[in-house]
């Protein structure tokens, strides 16, 4: 899915009352739009959990 697809899913989830989103699977920090998606989720009022193996965590994460 594209970053726009994920932002739409996040918006829809927030609109129906979801309170928390989790970024998991493989290594979420490797997804190019990961920081933007986390910021987007937080901006909609969602709580965010990230499950990472800490392989490539950068300062921006």
N, C-alpha and C. Protein backbone atom coordinates (compact mmCIF):
# COMPACT_ATOMS: atom_id res chain seq x y z
N UNK A 1 0.84 -1.18 0.00
CA UNK A 1 0.00 0.00 0.00
C UNK A 1 0.89 1.24 0.00
N UNK A 2 0.37 2.30 -0.56
CA UNK A 2 1.11 3.56 -0.59
C UNK A 2 0.93 4.30 0.74
N UNK A 3 1.76 5.31 0.93
CA UNK A 3 1.59 6.15 2.12
C UNK A 3 0.22 6.79 2.18
N UNK A 4 -0.30 7.22 1.02
CA UNK A 4 -1.64 7.81 0.98
C UNK A 4 -2.70 6.79 1.38
N UNK A 5 -2.52 5.54 0.95
CA UNK A 5 -3.46 4.48 1.37
C UNK A 5 -3.46 4.33 2.88
N UNK A 6 -2.26 4.29 3.48
CA UNK A 6 -2.16 4.13 4.93
C UNK A 6 -2.74 5.33 5.67
N UNK A 7 -2.50 6.54 5.15
CA UNK A 7 -3.09 7.73 5.80
C UNK A 7 -4.60 7.67 5.75
N UNK A 8 -5.16 7.20 4.65
CA UNK A 8 -6.62 7.06 4.55
C UNK A 8 -7.13 6.04 5.57
N UNK A 9 -6.44 4.92 5.71
CA UNK A 9 -6.84 3.90 6.70
C UNK A 9 -6.77 4.48 8.11
N UNK A 10 -5.72 5.23 8.40
CA UNK A 10 -5.57 5.85 9.72
C UNK A 10 -6.72 6.83 9.96
N UNK A 11 -7.04 7.65 8.96
CA UNK A 11 -8.15 8.60 9.10
C UNK A 11 -9.47 7.89 9.34
N UNK A 12 -9.71 6.83 8.58
CA UNK A 12 -10.95 6.07 8.74
C UNK A 12 -11.03 5.41 10.11
N UNK A 13 -9.91 4.88 10.57
CA UNK A 13 -9.87 4.25 11.89
C UNK A 13 -10.20 5.27 12.98
N UNK A 14 -9.59 6.44 12.90
CA UNK A 14 -9.86 7.48 13.89
C UNK A 14 -11.32 7.91 13.84
N UNK A 15 -11.89 7.99 12.64
CA UNK A 15 -13.27 8.43 12.48
C UNK A 15 -14.28 7.46 13.09
N UNK A 16 -13.93 6.17 13.15
CA UNK A 16 -14.88 5.21 13.72
C UNK A 16 -14.60 4.90 15.19
N UNK A 17 -13.68 5.65 15.78
CA UNK A 17 -13.46 5.51 17.21
C UNK A 17 -12.29 4.65 17.65
N UNK A 18 -11.47 4.20 16.72
CA UNK A 18 -10.27 3.46 17.10
C UNK A 18 -9.40 4.40 17.93
N UNK A 19 -8.79 3.88 18.98
CA UNK A 19 -7.99 4.72 19.87
C UNK A 19 -6.49 4.52 19.72
N UNK A 20 -6.09 3.38 19.16
CA UNK A 20 -4.66 3.06 19.11
C UNK A 20 -4.33 2.34 17.81
N UNK A 21 -3.18 2.65 17.23
CA UNK A 21 -2.71 1.92 16.06
C UNK A 21 -1.34 1.35 16.39
N UNK A 22 -1.06 0.20 15.80
CA UNK A 22 0.23 -0.45 15.99
C UNK A 22 0.94 -0.55 14.64
N UNK A 23 2.20 -0.21 14.65
CA UNK A 23 3.04 -0.40 13.47
C UNK A 23 3.91 -1.62 13.75
N UNK A 24 3.64 -2.71 13.02
CA UNK A 24 4.32 -3.98 13.27
C UNK A 24 4.60 -4.65 11.93
N UNK A 25 5.22 -5.80 11.99
CA UNK A 25 5.38 -6.62 10.81
C UNK A 25 6.69 -6.35 10.09
N UNK A 26 7.47 -7.33 9.90
CA UNK A 26 8.78 -7.08 9.30
C UNK A 26 9.50 -6.09 10.21
N UNK A 27 9.91 -5.00 9.67
CA UNK A 27 10.54 -3.93 10.45
C UNK A 27 9.91 -2.62 10.00
N UNK A 28 8.98 -2.07 10.79
CA UNK A 28 8.24 -0.88 10.35
C UNK A 28 9.11 0.33 10.06
N UNK A 29 10.26 0.43 10.73
CA UNK A 29 11.11 1.60 10.52
C UNK A 29 11.76 1.60 9.13
N UNK A 30 11.72 0.47 8.42
CA UNK A 30 12.28 0.40 7.08
C UNK A 30 11.33 0.97 6.03
N UNK A 31 10.05 1.15 6.37
CA UNK A 31 9.09 1.71 5.42
C UNK A 31 9.43 3.19 5.24
N UNK A 32 9.62 3.65 4.02
CA UNK A 32 10.09 5.03 3.79
C UNK A 32 9.23 6.11 4.44
N UNK A 33 7.94 5.90 4.54
CA UNK A 33 7.05 6.92 5.10
C UNK A 33 6.71 6.69 6.57
N UNK A 34 7.44 5.79 7.21
CA UNK A 34 7.15 5.46 8.61
C UNK A 34 7.06 6.70 9.51
N UNK A 35 8.04 7.60 9.53
CA UNK A 35 7.94 8.75 10.44
C UNK A 35 6.71 9.62 10.15
N UNK A 36 6.39 9.81 8.87
CA UNK A 36 5.22 10.60 8.51
C UNK A 36 3.93 9.93 8.94
N UNK A 37 3.86 8.61 8.81
CA UNK A 37 2.65 7.89 9.21
C UNK A 37 2.45 7.95 10.72
N UNK A 38 3.52 7.86 11.48
CA UNK A 38 3.41 7.98 12.93
C UNK A 38 2.93 9.38 13.29
N UNK A 39 3.53 10.39 12.69
CA UNK A 39 3.08 11.78 12.95
C UNK A 39 1.62 11.96 12.57
N UNK A 40 1.23 11.39 11.45
CA UNK A 40 -0.16 11.51 11.00
C UNK A 40 -1.11 10.86 12.01
N UNK A 41 -0.77 9.67 12.45
CA UNK A 41 -1.62 8.98 13.42
C UNK A 41 -1.73 9.78 14.72
N UNK A 42 -0.61 10.28 15.20
CA UNK A 42 -0.63 11.08 16.42
C UNK A 42 -1.45 12.36 16.20
N UNK A 43 -1.38 12.93 15.02
CA UNK A 43 -2.13 14.14 14.70
C UNK A 43 -3.62 13.94 14.66
N UNK A 44 -4.06 12.71 14.42
CA UNK A 44 -5.50 12.42 14.43
C UNK A 44 -6.00 12.10 15.84
N UNK A 45 -5.07 12.08 16.81
CA UNK A 45 -5.46 11.78 18.18
C UNK A 45 -5.30 10.33 18.58
N UNK A 46 -4.76 9.51 17.67
CA UNK A 46 -4.56 8.10 18.00
C UNK A 46 -3.30 7.91 18.84
N UNK A 47 -3.34 6.93 19.71
CA UNK A 47 -2.12 6.48 20.38
C UNK A 47 -1.38 5.58 19.40
N UNK A 48 -0.07 5.53 19.53
CA UNK A 48 0.75 4.75 18.59
C UNK A 48 1.66 3.80 19.37
N UNK A 49 1.68 2.56 18.93
CA UNK A 49 2.65 1.58 19.43
C UNK A 49 3.48 1.11 18.25
N UNK A 50 4.78 0.97 18.47
CA UNK A 50 5.67 0.48 17.42
C UNK A 50 6.38 -0.77 17.94
N UNK A 51 6.27 -1.84 17.19
CA UNK A 51 6.99 -3.07 17.52
C UNK A 51 8.14 -3.20 16.54
N UNK A 52 9.35 -3.03 17.04
CA UNK A 52 10.54 -3.00 16.21
C UNK A 52 11.58 -3.95 16.77
N UNK A 53 12.42 -4.47 15.88
CA UNK A 53 13.56 -5.24 16.37
C UNK A 53 14.77 -4.33 16.59
N UNK A 54 14.54 -3.02 16.46
CA UNK A 54 15.54 -1.97 16.68
C UNK A 54 16.71 -2.08 15.72
N UNK A 55 16.45 -2.68 14.57
CA UNK A 55 17.50 -2.85 13.57
C UNK A 55 17.99 -1.52 13.02
N UNK A 56 17.05 -0.62 12.74
CA UNK A 56 17.44 0.63 12.11
C UNK A 56 16.59 1.78 12.66
N UNK A 57 16.75 2.08 13.91
CA UNK A 57 16.03 3.19 14.53
C UNK A 57 16.89 4.44 14.40
N UNK A 58 16.31 5.46 13.81
CA UNK A 58 17.03 6.72 13.63
C UNK A 58 16.51 7.75 14.61
N UNK A 59 17.21 8.84 14.77
CA UNK A 59 16.82 9.92 15.67
C UNK A 59 15.40 10.39 15.36
N UNK A 60 15.03 10.50 14.09
CA UNK A 60 13.69 10.99 13.73
C UNK A 60 12.58 10.05 14.16
N UNK A 61 12.89 8.79 14.41
CA UNK A 61 11.88 7.83 14.84
C UNK A 61 11.57 8.03 16.30
